Amino acid sequence: MELRHLQYFIAVAQERHFTRAAARAGIQQPPLSLQIRQLEAELGGPLFVRLPRDVVLTELGEAFLPEARQILERVARTKRRMQQISRGEAGHIRIGFAGATYFEPRIPAWIRDYRAGYPDVQLHPQQSNTASLLTALAEDAVDAAFIRTPFEVPEGIVSLLVADEPMVLVLPLGHPMCVRERVPLAALAQDEFILLPREISPALYDRTIAACEAAGFRPKLGQEAPQITSIVPMVAAGFGVSLVPVSVSQIRTPGMGFWPIDAPADEMPLAPISLAYRADHGSAALDRFIAMKPASPADADGEPGAMAGART
């Protein structure tokens, strides 16, 4: 049984006439009659009663007509769905978020705009850390991931810079530097720094160490934070101070605050975010997502001075 058999059968059933059905189907009447006879032989009985001027459905034909229509409708739906997927207008994307990358304003705006433009693409968010997400990408467990960079790029992984966030200081409110509007890193040489373990976020770890060394000291490492969002309450609890991307300042806990670093603009430590994905991903939906990336990382960079006075 082929789809054309169903199409020809439905045409005859609707026209109640072989010649008119053949004209509607765009073939000659004898080949159409042959196709109907082949279908009847396959189904085991006649589908039509042939009358002098028209035809009528047999009991078998009456039973088969809704089935034939459902089959063709399902085929048409499947074809439309597959065409949407091939154009990137439907499907799914598994997106990973490392640390607090979702706090960077352009990332939720990017996702919101994409969902509005492609509502038939399902987005499946997954939260983890940069190291785990790179492994997940390599193992095809996620399709794309917002990660903290730089990192050692695994073979076959492409990264696209999204934002270059300035970093800010997190201090407990009783700290002597709280009276300052901007705080030099060198003033924190005697404080313990709360960092993420390097194995889960090498970029933030290395950027913090490098920033402190550039300020003339090697930071004293205190209690490690299990995730970046844990740093804020740990500072408030008195475990130490820290350096975080400016977007993390959206997290507020009593007893702590955020201060901009007192340093020249060209010496300001940055926390880049990149979108990483497999070069051979083969997803038209992901291609469309990538194409909607905000135009320039500089467009979303916050002004560090805007953090002055951010206290809780």
Foldseek 3Di string as FASTA:
>chain_A
DDLVLLQLLLLQQVVQAQQNSCVVVVHHSVVSVVSQVVVQVVVVHHQWDDDPGGIHGDPVVVVCNVVSVVVVVVVVVVVVQVVCQLQLLAEEFEEEEAFVPVLQVVVVVLVVVLCVVRVRYHYHYDYFFDLVVLVCQVVVVGFKYKYWDDDDRPPQKDKAWQAWFFKWKKAFCVDPCVVDLAAALQVCQPWAEAEAPCNRHVRQVVLFQVLNVVSPHGHHHWHYDPGPLRRNVCNQVPRTMYMGGPSSQVDDDARMFIHFHPDPPVSTRITIIIMMGGPVSPGSNVVVSVVSRDDDNVVRYDDSSVRGPGHD
